[in-house]
């Protein structure tokens, strides 16, 4: 099964120009579910996926608070977490990130500078809630 269509769906749910990159990783270990070959793939580097998954799995976001959130080799400032399943970050001049977990996955999206992160949050939420409803 290809998960790449979920990237397209997330971008459509967020609205035109609100999300430029997205991916889905596994909650256990951070392995990618979507492929890096998708035109709008958020391409995690090295141990970024594993580090994100570890924080979500343990529901301990102090690493993000102390050291930031790394995506594609860039350090995003941790803004906040909600209900131990939603994390928001920002990198001045580069945009914002939204990460939300389901039972077995983490949905990540990048919102370009100048776009509304709330719309990215909506798109990520739709996909994460759908996965949750499917017990994933």
N, C-alpha and C. Protein backbone atom coordinates (compact mmCIF):
# COMPACT_ATOMS: atom_id res chain seq x y z
N UNK A 1 0.84 -1.19 0.00
CA UNK A 1 0.00 0.00 0.00
C UNK A 1 0.88 1.24 0.00
N UNK A 2 0.55 2.18 -0.85
CA UNK A 2 1.28 3.44 -0.89
C UNK A 2 0.57 4.47 -0.02
N UNK A 3 1.33 5.09 0.83
CA UNK A 3 0.80 6.13 1.72
C UNK A 3 0.94 7.51 1.10
N UNK A 4 1.56 7.60 -0.08
CA UNK A 4 1.84 8.91 -0.68
C UNK A 4 0.57 9.72 -0.97
N UNK A 5 -0.53 9.05 -1.24
CA UNK A 5 -1.77 9.78 -1.52
C UNK A 5 -2.24 10.57 -0.29
N UNK A 6 -1.80 10.15 0.89
CA UNK A 6 -2.15 10.88 2.11
C UNK A 6 -1.49 12.25 2.14
N UNK A 7 -0.32 12.39 1.51
CA UNK A 7 0.34 13.70 1.41
C UNK A 7 -0.55 14.63 0.58
N UNK A 8 -1.03 14.14 -0.55
CA UNK A 8 -1.90 14.94 -1.41
C UNK A 8 -3.19 15.33 -0.68
N UNK A 9 -3.76 14.38 0.05
CA UNK A 9 -4.99 14.63 0.79
C UNK A 9 -4.76 15.68 1.87
N UNK A 10 -3.67 15.58 2.61
CA UNK A 10 -3.35 16.54 3.66
C UNK A 10 -3.22 17.94 3.07
N UNK A 11 -2.49 18.07 1.97
CA UNK A 11 -2.30 19.37 1.33
C UNK A 11 -3.63 19.95 0.87
N UNK A 12 -4.49 19.10 0.33
CA UNK A 12 -5.82 19.56 -0.11
C UNK A 12 -6.67 20.00 1.08
N UNK A 13 -6.62 19.26 2.18
CA UNK A 13 -7.39 19.60 3.38
C UNK A 13 -6.95 20.94 3.97
N UNK A 14 -5.65 21.24 3.89
CA UNK A 14 -5.12 22.47 4.46
C UNK A 14 -5.48 23.69 3.61
N UNK A 15 -5.66 23.50 2.32
CA UNK A 15 -5.97 24.61 1.42
C UNK A 15 -4.75 25.02 0.62
N UNK A 16 -5.00 25.65 -0.51
CA UNK A 16 -3.94 26.03 -1.45
C UNK A 16 -2.87 26.89 -0.80
N UNK A 17 -1.62 26.45 -0.93
CA UNK A 17 -0.48 27.22 -0.44
C UNK A 17 -0.23 27.18 1.06
N UNK A 18 -1.02 26.39 1.79
CA UNK A 18 -0.89 26.37 3.25
C UNK A 18 0.10 25.33 3.75
N UNK A 19 0.28 24.26 3.00
CA UNK A 19 1.25 23.21 3.32
C UNK A 19 2.03 22.91 2.05
N UNK A 20 3.37 22.94 2.14
CA UNK A 20 4.16 22.63 0.95
C UNK A 20 4.85 21.28 1.02
N UNK A 21 4.99 20.72 2.23
CA UNK A 21 5.64 19.41 2.39
C UNK A 21 4.99 18.65 3.54
N UNK A 22 4.94 17.33 3.42
CA UNK A 22 4.37 16.51 4.47
C UNK A 22 4.92 15.09 4.39
N UNK A 23 4.77 14.36 5.48
CA UNK A 23 5.12 12.94 5.50
C UNK A 23 4.43 12.26 6.67
N UNK A 24 4.47 10.95 6.66
CA UNK A 24 3.95 10.14 7.76
C UNK A 24 5.06 9.18 8.16
N UNK A 25 5.30 9.08 9.46
CA UNK A 25 6.29 8.13 9.98
C UNK A 25 5.62 7.24 11.02
N UNK A 26 6.24 6.11 11.30
CA UNK A 26 5.72 5.19 12.30
C UNK A 26 6.01 5.67 13.71
N UNK A 27 5.08 5.45 14.60
CA UNK A 27 5.27 5.82 16.01
C UNK A 27 6.34 4.94 16.66
N UNK A 28 6.45 3.70 16.21
CA UNK A 28 7.49 2.80 16.72
C UNK A 28 8.74 2.93 15.85
N UNK A 29 9.67 3.75 16.27
CA UNK A 29 10.95 3.85 15.59
C UNK A 29 11.11 4.94 14.56
N UNK A 30 10.01 5.53 14.10
CA UNK A 30 10.09 6.65 13.17
C UNK A 30 10.37 6.30 11.72
N UNK A 31 10.16 5.04 11.33
CA UNK A 31 10.38 4.66 9.93
C UNK A 31 9.36 5.36 9.03
N UNK A 32 9.79 5.77 7.84
CA UNK A 32 8.86 6.48 6.95
C UNK A 32 7.76 5.58 6.40
N UNK A 33 6.54 6.09 6.36
CA UNK A 33 5.43 5.41 5.71
C UNK A 33 5.25 5.95 4.31
N UNK A 34 5.49 7.25 4.14
CA UNK A 34 5.41 7.87 2.82
C UNK A 34 6.80 7.86 2.19
N UNK A 35 6.86 7.94 0.87
CA UNK A 35 8.16 7.87 0.20
C UNK A 35 8.76 9.27 0.00
N UNK A 36 10.07 9.32 -0.02
CA UNK A 36 10.79 10.58 -0.23
C UNK A 36 10.71 11.01 -1.69
N UNK A 37 10.21 10.15 -2.57
CA UNK A 37 10.14 10.48 -3.99
C UNK A 37 8.92 11.32 -4.35
N UNK A 38 7.96 11.46 -3.43
CA UNK A 38 6.78 12.29 -3.69
C UNK A 38 7.23 13.74 -3.84
N UNK A 39 6.63 14.46 -4.77
CA UNK A 39 7.02 15.84 -5.06
C UNK A 39 6.92 16.76 -3.84
N UNK A 40 6.02 16.46 -2.92
CA UNK A 40 5.82 17.29 -1.73
C UNK A 40 6.25 16.57 -0.45
N UNK A 41 7.18 15.63 -0.57
CA UNK A 41 7.63 14.87 0.60
C UNK A 41 8.47 15.75 1.53
N UNK A 42 8.20 15.62 2.81
CA UNK A 42 9.05 16.18 3.84
C UNK A 42 10.10 15.11 4.09
N UNK A 43 11.35 15.41 3.75
CA UNK A 43 12.41 14.40 3.76
C UNK A 43 13.23 14.48 5.04
N UNK A 44 12.93 13.59 5.98
CA UNK A 44 13.67 13.56 7.24
C UNK A 44 15.06 13.01 7.00
N UNK A 45 16.02 13.50 7.77
CA UNK A 45 17.41 13.10 7.61
C UNK A 45 17.90 12.35 8.85
N UNK A 46 18.78 11.38 8.63
CA UNK A 46 19.44 10.67 9.72
C UNK A 46 18.48 10.14 10.76
N UNK A 47 18.68 10.56 12.00
CA UNK A 47 17.88 10.06 13.12
C UNK A 47 16.69 10.96 13.46
N UNK A 48 16.35 11.90 12.58
CA UNK A 48 15.25 12.83 12.87
C UNK A 48 13.93 12.09 13.14
N UNK A 49 13.59 11.12 12.29
CA UNK A 49 12.35 10.37 12.47
C UNK A 49 12.34 9.59 13.78
N UNK A 50 13.45 8.94 14.08
CA UNK A 50 13.56 8.16 15.32
C UNK A 50 13.45 9.06 16.55
N UNK A 51 14.07 10.24 16.50
CA UNK A 51 14.02 11.16 17.63
C UNK A 51 12.60 11.69 17.85
N UNK A 52 11.91 12.02 16.76
CA UNK A 52 10.53 12.48 16.86
C UNK A 52 9.65 11.36 17.42
N UNK A 53 9.79 10.16 16.89
CA UNK A 53 8.98 9.03 17.35
C UNK A 53 9.22 8.75 18.84
N UNK A 54 10.47 8.84 19.27
CA UNK A 54 10.80 8.58 20.67
C UNK A 54 10.06 9.55 21.60
N UNK A 55 10.04 10.83 21.23
CA UNK A 55 9.34 11.83 22.05
C UNK A 55 7.84 11.57 22.09
N UNK A 56 7.25 11.26 20.94
CA UNK A 56 5.81 11.01 20.90
C UNK A 56 5.46 9.71 21.62
N UNK A 57 6.26 8.68 21.44
CA UNK A 57 5.99 7.38 22.08
C UNK A 57 6.01 7.50 23.60
N UNK A 58 6.99 8.26 24.12
CA UNK A 58 7.12 8.42 25.58
C UNK A 58 6.25 9.54 26.11
N UNK A 59 5.68 10.36 25.20
CA UNK A 59 4.89 11.53 25.57
C UNK A 59 5.71 12.50 26.43
N UNK A 60 7.02 12.51 26.17
CA UNK A 60 7.95 13.40 26.87
C UNK A 60 8.59 14.33 25.84
N UNK A 61 8.16 15.58 25.86
CA UNK A 61 8.60 16.54 24.85
C UNK A 61 9.67 17.49 25.36
N UNK A 62 10.31 17.15 26.47
CA UNK A 62 11.36 18.02 27.03
C UNK A 62 12.55 18.13 26.08
N UNK A 63 12.84 17.10 25.30
CA UNK A 63 13.93 17.18 24.32
C UNK A 63 13.62 18.26 23.29
N UNK A 64 12.38 18.32 22.81
CA UNK A 64 11.98 19.37 21.88
C UNK A 64 12.09 20.74 22.54
N UNK A 65 11.66 20.83 23.79
CA UNK A 65 11.70 22.11 24.50
C UNK A 65 13.14 22.59 24.68
N UNK A 66 14.04 21.68 25.00
CA UNK A 66 15.43 22.05 25.29
C UNK A 66 16.27 22.22 24.02
N UNK A 67 16.06 21.37 23.02
CA UNK A 67 16.96 21.33 21.87
C UNK A 67 16.31 21.66 20.53
N UNK A 68 15.00 21.87 20.52
CA UNK A 68 14.30 22.14 19.28
C UNK A 68 13.86 20.86 18.58
N UNK A 69 13.20 21.05 17.45
CA UNK A 69 12.68 19.94 16.66
C UNK A 69 13.42 19.97 15.32
N UNK A 70 14.09 18.89 14.97
CA UNK A 70 14.86 18.86 13.73
C UNK A 70 14.10 18.15 12.62
N UNK A 71 13.94 18.87 11.49
CA UNK A 71 13.33 18.32 10.29
C UNK A 71 14.14 18.79 9.09
N UNK A 72 14.50 17.87 8.22
CA UNK A 72 15.29 18.18 7.03
C UNK A 72 16.57 18.95 7.37
N UNK A 73 17.16 18.63 8.51
CA UNK A 73 18.41 19.25 8.92
C UNK A 73 18.27 20.65 9.50
N UNK A 74 17.03 21.13 9.65
CA UNK A 74 16.79 22.46 10.20
C UNK A 74 16.21 22.35 11.60
N UNK A 75 16.61 23.29 12.46
CA UNK A 75 16.14 23.29 13.84
C UNK A 75 14.97 24.26 13.99
N UNK A 76 13.81 23.70 14.35
CA UNK A 76 12.61 24.50 14.58
C UNK A 76 12.44 24.72 16.09
N UNK A 77 12.04 25.93 16.43
CA UNK A 77 11.77 26.25 17.84
C UNK A 77 10.47 25.57 18.25
N UNK A 78 10.51 24.89 19.37
CA UNK A 78 9.32 24.26 19.93
C UNK A 78 8.39 25.36 20.42
N UNK A 79 7.13 25.35 19.97
CA UNK A 79 6.15 26.33 20.44
C UNK A 79 5.30 25.77 21.57
N UNK A 80 4.69 24.61 21.32
CA UNK A 80 3.86 23.99 22.36
C UNK A 80 3.44 22.59 21.94
N UNK A 81 2.94 21.85 22.94
CA UNK A 81 2.32 20.56 22.68
C UNK A 81 0.94 20.57 23.31
N UNK A 82 0.05 19.81 22.73
CA UNK A 82 -1.32 19.72 23.24
C UNK A 82 -1.72 18.26 23.36
N UNK A 83 -2.22 17.89 24.52
CA UNK A 83 -2.77 16.55 24.78
C UNK A 83 -1.78 15.43 24.47
N UNK A 84 -0.49 15.70 24.55
CA UNK A 84 0.57 14.72 24.28
C UNK A 84 0.48 14.09 22.90
N UNK A 85 -0.21 14.75 21.96
CA UNK A 85 -0.30 14.18 20.62
C UNK A 85 -0.12 15.21 19.51
N UNK A 86 -0.09 16.51 19.84
CA UNK A 86 0.08 17.56 18.85
C UNK A 86 1.26 18.43 19.25
N UNK A 87 2.19 18.66 18.33
CA UNK A 87 3.37 19.50 18.58
C UNK A 87 3.47 20.53 17.47
N UNK A 88 3.75 21.78 17.87
CA UNK A 88 3.91 22.87 16.92
C UNK A 88 5.30 23.47 17.06
N UNK A 89 5.89 23.84 15.92
CA UNK A 89 7.21 24.45 15.91
C UNK A 89 7.29 25.54 14.86
N UNK A 90 8.34 26.37 14.95
CA UNK A 90 8.52 27.50 14.04
C UNK A 90 10.00 27.76 13.81
N UNK A 91 10.33 28.14 12.59
CA UNK A 91 11.68 28.57 12.24
C UNK A 91 11.54 29.88 11.48
N UNK A 92 11.96 30.96 12.13
CA UNK A 92 11.80 32.29 11.54
C UNK A 92 12.40 32.33 10.13
N UNK A 93 11.61 32.82 9.18
CA UNK A 93 12.06 32.93 7.81
C UNK A 93 11.90 31.65 7.00
N UNK A 94 11.51 30.54 7.66
CA UNK A 94 11.39 29.26 6.97
C UNK A 94 9.99 28.65 7.09
N UNK A 95 9.18 29.13 8.02
CA UNK A 95 7.84 28.60 8.18
C UNK A 95 7.65 27.86 9.49
N UNK A 96 6.61 27.04 9.52
CA UNK A 96 6.22 26.35 10.74
C UNK A 96 5.98 24.87 10.47
N UNK A 97 5.97 24.07 11.53
CA UNK A 97 5.71 22.65 11.40
C UNK A 97 4.61 22.22 12.38
N UNK A 98 3.85 21.25 11.94
CA UNK A 98 2.80 20.65 12.76
C UNK A 98 3.03 19.14 12.75
N UNK A 99 3.04 18.53 13.93
CA UNK A 99 3.21 17.09 14.07
C UNK A 99 2.07 16.58 14.95
N UNK A 100 1.38 15.54 14.52
CA UNK A 100 0.31 14.96 15.33
C UNK A 100 0.36 13.44 15.23
N UNK A 101 0.20 12.79 16.37
CA UNK A 101 0.27 11.34 16.41
C UNK A 101 -1.13 10.71 16.41
N UNK A 102 -1.16 9.48 15.92
CA UNK A 102 -2.33 8.62 16.03
C UNK A 102 -1.87 7.41 16.85
N UNK A 103 -2.60 6.31 16.78
CA UNK A 103 -2.21 5.13 17.55
C UNK A 103 -0.87 4.54 17.11
N UNK A 104 -0.57 4.62 15.80
CA UNK A 104 0.65 3.97 15.30
C UNK A 104 1.49 4.82 14.36
N UNK A 105 1.08 6.08 14.15
CA UNK A 105 1.81 6.93 13.19
C UNK A 105 1.92 8.36 13.70
N UNK A 106 2.80 9.11 13.05
CA UNK A 106 2.92 10.55 13.30
C UNK A 106 2.83 11.23 11.94
N UNK A 107 1.93 12.19 11.83
CA UNK A 107 1.73 12.95 10.61
C UNK A 107 2.46 14.28 10.78
N UNK A 108 3.31 14.63 9.81
CA UNK A 108 4.11 15.85 9.88
C UNK A 108 3.82 16.71 8.66
N UNK A 109 3.75 18.03 8.87
CA UNK A 109 3.55 18.94 7.75
C UNK A 109 4.35 20.21 7.96
N UNK A 110 4.81 20.79 6.86
CA UNK A 110 5.53 22.06 6.87
C UNK A 110 4.64 23.11 6.23
N UNK A 111 4.52 24.23 6.92
CA UNK A 111 3.74 25.37 6.47
C UNK A 111 4.72 26.45 6.04
N UNK A 112 4.69 26.89 4.79
CA UNK A 112 5.67 27.88 4.34
C UNK A 112 5.51 29.22 5.07
N UNK A 113 6.59 29.98 5.13
CA UNK A 113 6.55 31.31 5.75
C UNK A 113 5.44 32.13 5.09
N UNK A 114 4.63 32.79 5.90
CA UNK A 114 3.55 33.63 5.39
C UNK A 114 2.21 32.91 5.30
N UNK A 115 2.20 31.59 5.35
CA UNK A 115 0.95 30.83 5.32
C UNK A 115 0.44 30.70 6.77
N UNK A 116 -0.79 30.27 6.91
CA UNK A 116 -1.41 30.15 8.23
C UNK A 116 -1.22 28.76 8.80
N UNK A 117 -0.49 28.66 9.92
CA UNK A 117 -0.25 27.35 10.52
C UNK A 117 -1.54 26.67 10.95
N UNK A 118 -2.54 27.43 11.29
CA UNK A 118 -3.82 26.84 11.68
C UNK A 118 -4.40 25.96 10.58
N UNK A 119 -4.18 26.35 9.33
CA UNK A 119 -4.66 25.53 8.20
C UNK A 119 -3.85 24.24 8.09
N UNK A 120 -2.54 24.33 8.35
CA UNK A 120 -1.72 23.13 8.37
C UNK A 120 -2.17 22.19 9.48
N UNK A 121 -2.48 22.78 10.65
CA UNK A 121 -2.97 21.99 11.78
C UNK A 121 -4.23 21.23 11.39
N UNK A 122 -5.12 21.89 10.65
CA UNK A 122 -6.37 21.25 10.21
C UNK A 122 -6.07 20.07 9.30
N UNK A 123 -5.21 20.26 8.30
CA UNK A 123 -4.88 19.18 7.37
C UNK A 123 -4.25 18.00 8.06
N UNK A 124 -3.30 18.27 8.96
CA UNK A 124 -2.64 17.21 9.73
C UNK A 124 -3.67 16.49 10.60
N UNK A 125 -4.54 17.27 11.23
CA UNK A 125 -5.56 16.69 12.11
C UNK A 125 -6.51 15.76 11.39
N UNK A 126 -6.90 16.13 10.17
CA UNK A 126 -7.81 15.28 9.38
C UNK A 126 -7.17 13.91 9.13
N UNK A 127 -5.90 13.91 8.72
CA UNK A 127 -5.21 12.64 8.43
C UNK A 127 -4.97 11.84 9.71
N UNK A 128 -4.49 12.50 10.75
CA UNK A 128 -4.22 11.79 12.02
C UNK A 128 -5.51 11.22 12.61
N UNK A 129 -6.59 11.99 12.56
CA UNK A 129 -7.88 11.50 13.08
C UNK A 129 -8.40 10.34 12.26
N UNK A 130 -8.21 10.39 10.94
CA UNK A 130 -8.64 9.28 10.09
C UNK A 130 -7.85 8.01 10.45
N UNK A 131 -6.53 8.14 10.58
CA UNK A 131 -5.71 6.98 10.95
C UNK A 131 -6.16 6.42 12.29
N UNK A 132 -6.43 7.32 13.23
CA UNK A 132 -6.90 6.91 14.56
C UNK A 132 -8.21 6.13 14.45
N UNK A 133 -9.12 6.62 13.59
CA UNK A 133 -10.42 5.95 13.42
C UNK A 133 -10.28 4.56 12.81
N UNK A 134 -9.17 4.35 12.11
CA UNK A 134 -8.90 3.04 11.50
C UNK A 134 -8.03 2.18 12.43
N UNK A 135 -7.90 2.62 13.68
CA UNK A 135 -7.06 1.94 14.70
C UNK A 135 -5.60 1.89 14.26
N UNK A 136 -5.15 2.93 13.61
CA UNK A 136 -3.76 3.02 13.17
C UNK A 136 -3.09 4.20 13.85
